[in-house]
């Protein structure tokens, strides 16, 4: 993901698959990442992003069944 300006990135579906990869890729690009995924999954991806040198935060689980929209 070279070329990402040092901005903020919001990744939905970041718990697994392509979403997870998109959430982890900006770690070395100085981008701040908001990870949206169900519960503990968001926390795990956030921690992995931080371990790789990124800045990340888990966002609200807005895609879950029963979540307020």
Protein backbone atom coordinates (compact mmCIF):
# COMPACT_ATOMS: atom_id res chain seq x y z
CA UNK A 1 0.00 0.00 0.00
CA UNK A 2 2.85 2.32 -0.70
CA UNK A 3 1.79 5.84 -1.46
CA UNK A 4 -0.82 6.19 1.27
CA UNK A 5 -0.52 9.69 2.70
CA UNK A 6 -0.13 9.86 6.47
CA UNK A 7 -3.87 10.14 6.98
CA UNK A 8 -6.63 8.16 8.64
CA UNK A 9 -7.97 4.92 7.24
CA UNK A 10 -11.24 3.28 8.29
CA UNK A 11 -11.46 -0.41 7.45
CA UNK A 12 -14.75 -2.26 7.80
CA UNK A 13 -14.77 -6.04 7.81
CA UNK A 14 -11.25 -5.93 9.22
CA UNK A 15 -11.51 -9.12 11.22
CA UNK A 16 -10.34 -11.52 8.53
CA UNK A 17 -9.52 -11.95 4.88
CA UNK A 18 -8.94 -8.93 2.68
CA UNK A 19 -10.31 -6.51 5.29
CA UNK A 20 -7.75 -7.71 7.81
CA UNK A 21 -4.93 -7.31 5.30
CA UNK A 22 -6.11 -3.79 4.43
CA UNK A 23 -6.18 -2.92 8.13
CA UNK A 24 -2.63 -4.18 8.71
CA UNK A 25 -0.98 -2.81 5.55
CA UNK A 26 -0.85 0.89 6.57
CA UNK A 27 1.16 0.11 9.74
CA UNK A 28 4.40 1.18 8.11
CA UNK A 29 2.87 4.07 6.17
CA UNK A 30 2.20 6.38 9.16
CA UNK A 31 -1.56 6.14 8.62
CA UNK A 32 -3.90 5.99 11.59
CA UNK A 33 -6.26 3.04 11.23
CA UNK A 34 -9.72 2.58 12.70
CA UNK A 35 -10.55 -1.12 12.70
CA UNK A 36 -14.20 -2.14 12.50
CA UNK A 37 -14.82 -5.81 13.22
CA UNK A 38 -16.78 -7.80 15.80
CA UNK A 39 -15.59 -7.46 19.41
CA UNK A 40 -12.36 -9.25 20.21
CA UNK A 41 -11.45 -9.53 16.56
CA UNK A 42 -11.12 -5.74 16.24
CA UNK A 43 -8.96 -5.66 19.34
CA UNK A 44 -6.69 -8.42 18.00
CA UNK A 45 -6.20 -6.71 14.62
CA UNK A 46 -5.59 -3.37 16.39
CA UNK A 47 -2.94 -4.94 18.61
CA UNK A 48 -1.27 -6.61 15.63
CA UNK A 49 -1.22 -3.31 13.75
CA UNK A 50 0.41 -1.58 16.73
CA UNK A 51 2.95 -4.41 17.08
CA UNK A 52 3.97 -3.74 13.46
CA UNK A 53 4.59 -0.06 14.21
CA UNK A 54 1.19 1.34 13.28
CA UNK A 55 -1.31 3.53 15.06
CA UNK A 56 -4.70 1.87 15.36
CA UNK A 57 -7.92 1.94 17.32
CA UNK A 58 -10.90 -0.38 17.41
CA UNK A 59 -14.03 1.38 16.20
CA UNK A 60 -17.58 0.66 17.24
CA UNK A 61 -18.97 -2.66 16.03
CA UNK A 62 -21.47 -1.01 13.70
CA UNK A 63 -21.99 -4.04 11.48
CA UNK A 64 -23.11 -6.55 14.09
CA UNK A 65 -26.55 -7.96 14.33
CA UNK A 66 -28.50 -5.97 16.88
CA UNK A 67 -26.16 -2.98 16.84
CA UNK A 68 -27.71 0.46 16.76
CA UNK A 69 -27.55 2.06 13.32
